[in-house]
Structure formats: C-alpha cells, structure tokens
C-alpha cells in the first residue's frame, strides 16, 4: 500500500490517502506546480518559511519515502529516503538511520519510471536508477 500527499511551498500538506500508481501519476501531472513555484518565490522574498513543493509517497510502514519536487519545465528534484534499523544502543535500545539520496534535473518521464519502481517495491533498483540519473547537486552549483 502506498500513501500519498502534496507538500506545498508554504509547508501545508494535502493528504491524498492510499493511491494506485495511476492515481499518483494523475496527482503529479494535474497539480499546479507553476503556482507552487510562484508561491515559493514570494515566500523566499518575504523571508518566510518555505520548502520545495512536491508529491510525496510512502510505504505503509513509513520506512520508505519518494518525494518528487517539480522545479521548472520538465525538470524535477527527487528525494528517496529509507529508514533502516541500525545497531542497538548498549545492546538494548533500537536505533534507526535515515538514508537519503537526492538528485536534481530529472525529467518527468524519469520520475514516472521511479514512481513505478516505488509502487513495485523495487527499492534497491529505484535507488540505483535514481543515482544514475540527473545531477547530485543543483545545476550551477558544486
């Protein structure tokens, strides 16, 4: 089961509930990302809190998250987050680690492919494919 949401530039979250791949794709295609980008620019200019708007997907256990943030014409920033169990503190207390892969400048087509892998629970393949695409830093940086 995959749960989705839209994260707005102003930090508001619109819960989408349980989604199929087709429903997630429709949310990605139909949301007004241009308006979100304009809002982000406005918030940034006013020194207000903001974040990149995007479509978020997580598995039922909330241990794997795919967040796709449209940046401009057919270009997206993608976060792939995994929560994994680490060693126990003092041999007793379970510790978790958050592993994040971030890529920039992915096309809409590449994002649809990554979404498909997410829905298939092909998380290792998703990570590998993500890291073979786009850029590790925003264009013009690093």
Protein backbone atom coordinates (compact mmCIF):
# COMPACT_ATOMS: atom_id res chain seq x y z
CA UNK A 1 0.00 0.00 0.00
CA UNK A 2 1.29 3.46 -0.93
CA UNK A 3 0.15 6.63 0.78
CA UNK A 4 0.48 9.98 -0.96
CA UNK A 5 0.46 13.66 -0.19
CA UNK A 6 1.18 17.02 -1.81
CA UNK A 7 3.65 19.20 0.11
CA UNK A 8 3.01 22.86 -0.72
CA UNK A 9 5.71 25.55 -0.79
CA UNK A 10 4.13 27.11 2.32
CA UNK A 11 4.59 23.83 4.26
CA UNK A 12 0.90 22.91 4.04
CA UNK A 13 0.21 19.25 3.35
CA UNK A 14 -2.72 17.85 1.38
CA UNK A 15 -3.20 14.18 2.25
CA UNK A 16 -4.11 12.07 -0.76
CA UNK A 17 -4.64 8.80 1.12
CA UNK A 18 -3.93 5.37 -0.32
CA UNK A 19 -3.05 5.59 -4.00
CA UNK A 20 -2.60 3.37 -7.01
CA UNK A 21 0.20 4.13 -9.45
CA UNK A 22 -2.33 5.71 -11.84
CA UNK A 23 -3.76 7.94 -9.10
CA UNK A 24 -0.28 9.06 -8.02
CA UNK A 25 0.61 9.82 -11.62
CA UNK A 26 -2.59 11.87 -12.02
CA UNK A 27 -1.76 13.86 -8.86
CA UNK A 28 1.75 14.52 -10.20
CA UNK A 29 0.50 15.61 -13.63
CA UNK A 30 -2.58 17.60 -12.54
CA UNK A 31 -1.25 19.66 -9.61
CA UNK A 32 -0.47 23.33 -10.35
CA UNK A 33 3.31 23.25 -9.84
CA UNK A 34 3.76 26.63 -11.56
CA UNK A 35 1.61 28.24 -8.85
CA UNK A 36 3.64 26.42 -6.19
CA UNK A 37 6.88 27.76 -7.66
CA UNK A 38 5.46 31.30 -7.69
CA UNK A 39 4.44 30.88 -4.05
CA UNK A 40 7.93 29.67 -3.15
CA UNK A 41 9.47 32.76 -4.80
CA UNK A 42 7.05 35.00 -2.90
CA UNK A 43 7.76 33.28 0.43
CA UNK A 44 11.51 33.37 -0.16
CA UNK A 45 11.39 37.11 -1.00
CA UNK A 46 9.48 37.80 2.22
CA UNK A 47 11.93 35.77 4.32
CA UNK A 48 9.11 33.37 5.22
CA UNK A 49 9.41 29.64 5.82
CA UNK A 50 9.08 27.55 2.68
CA UNK A 51 10.10 24.26 1.13
CA UNK A 52 10.14 22.87 -2.39
CA UNK A 53 6.63 21.75 -3.26
CA UNK A 54 6.27 18.14 -4.32
CA UNK A 55 4.41 14.88 -4.49
CA UNK A 56 5.31 12.57 -1.63
CA UNK A 57 4.78 8.81 -1.50
CA UNK A 58 5.48 6.50 1.40
CA UNK A 59 5.02 2.81 2.07
CA UNK A 60 2.57 1.59 4.68
CA UNK A 61 5.31 1.11 7.30
CA UNK A 62 6.53 4.69 6.66
CA UNK A 63 10.08 3.39 6.20
CA UNK A 64 10.49 4.33 2.52
CA UNK A 65 9.64 7.73 1.02
CA UNK A 66 9.83 9.07 -2.52
CA UNK A 67 9.42 12.83 -2.84
CA UNK A 68 9.32 14.41 -6.30
CA UNK A 69 9.61 18.20 -6.45
CA UNK A 70 8.96 19.82 -9.84
CA UNK A 71 11.45 22.66 -10.35
CA UNK A 72 10.72 24.03 -13.81
CA UNK A 73 9.79 22.88 -17.28
CA UNK A 74 10.02 19.05 -17.16
CA UNK A 75 12.80 19.11 -14.52
CA UNK A 76 12.46 17.70 -11.02
CA UNK A 77 14.36 17.28 -7.78
CA UNK A 78 13.89 13.84 -6.19
CA UNK A 79 14.48 12.65 -2.64
CA UNK A 80 14.50 8.94 -1.86
CA UNK A 81 14.53 8.28 1.88
CA UNK A 82 14.88 4.96 3.69
CA UNK A 83 14.59 4.43 7.43
CA UNK A 84 16.73 1.46 8.42
CA UNK A 85 17.43 -0.23 11.71
CA UNK A 86 20.96 0.27 12.96
CA UNK A 87 22.82 -1.27 15.85
CA UNK A 88 21.21 -1.25 19.27
CA UNK A 89 22.47 1.33 21.74
CA UNK A 90 24.01 -0.51 24.70
CA UNK A 91 22.76 -3.67 23.02
CA UNK A 92 19.19 -2.83 24.13
CA UNK A 93 17.77 0.31 22.52
CA UNK A 94 16.99 0.04 18.79
CA UNK A 95 18.49 2.86 16.72
CA UNK A 96 17.31 3.94 13.28
CA UNK A 97 19.21 5.63 10.49
CA UNK A 98 17.75 7.85 7.81
CA UNK A 99 19.41 7.31 4.42
CA UNK A 100 18.65 9.93 1.78
CA UNK A 101 19.55 10.03 -1.90
CA UNK A 102 18.87 13.36 -3.63
CA UNK A 103 19.11 14.03 -7.35
CA UNK A 104 18.35 17.11 -9.43
CA UNK A 105 17.31 17.70 -13.02
CA UNK A 106 15.32 14.52 -13.60
CA UNK A 107 12.74 14.57 -16.38
CA UNK A 108 9.06 13.90 -15.81
CA UNK A 109 9.49 10.61 -17.70
CA UNK A 110 12.31 9.53 -15.38
CA UNK A 111 10.15 10.42 -12.37
CA UNK A 112 7.26 8.33 -13.70
CA UNK A 113 9.67 5.40 -14.01
CA UNK A 114 10.92 5.89 -10.43
CA UNK A 115 7.32 6.08 -9.21
CA UNK A 116 6.58 2.78 -10.96
CA UNK A 117 9.56 1.16 -9.17
CA UNK A 118 8.31 2.57 -5.87
CA UNK A 119 4.87 1.02 -6.38
CA UNK A 120 6.54 -2.28 -7.28
CA UNK A 121 8.52 -2.06 -4.01
CA UNK A 122 11.73 -2.35 -6.06
CA UNK A 123 13.51 -0.01 -3.66
CA UNK A 124 17.10 -1.08 -4.34
CA UNK A 125 16.55 -0.79 -8.08
CA UNK A 126 14.90 2.60 -7.52
CA UNK A 127 17.94 3.82 -5.56
CA UNK A 128 20.33 2.54 -8.21
CA UNK A 129 18.32 4.06 -11.08
CA UNK A 130 17.96 7.37 -9.24
CA UNK A 131 21.69 7.67 -8.69
CA UNK A 132 22.39 7.00 -12.38
CA UNK A 133 20.21 9.94 -13.43
CA UNK A 134 20.22 13.71 -13.08
CA UNK A 135 22.81 15.55 -11.02
CA UNK A 136 23.97 15.20 -7.41
CA UNK A 137 23.85 19.00 -6.96
CA UNK A 138 21.59 21.67 -8.44
CA UNK A 139 22.81 22.87 -11.85
CA UNK A 140 25.19 25.77 -11.46
CA UNK A 141 26.40 24.56 -8.04
CA UNK A 142 29.14 22.15 -6.94
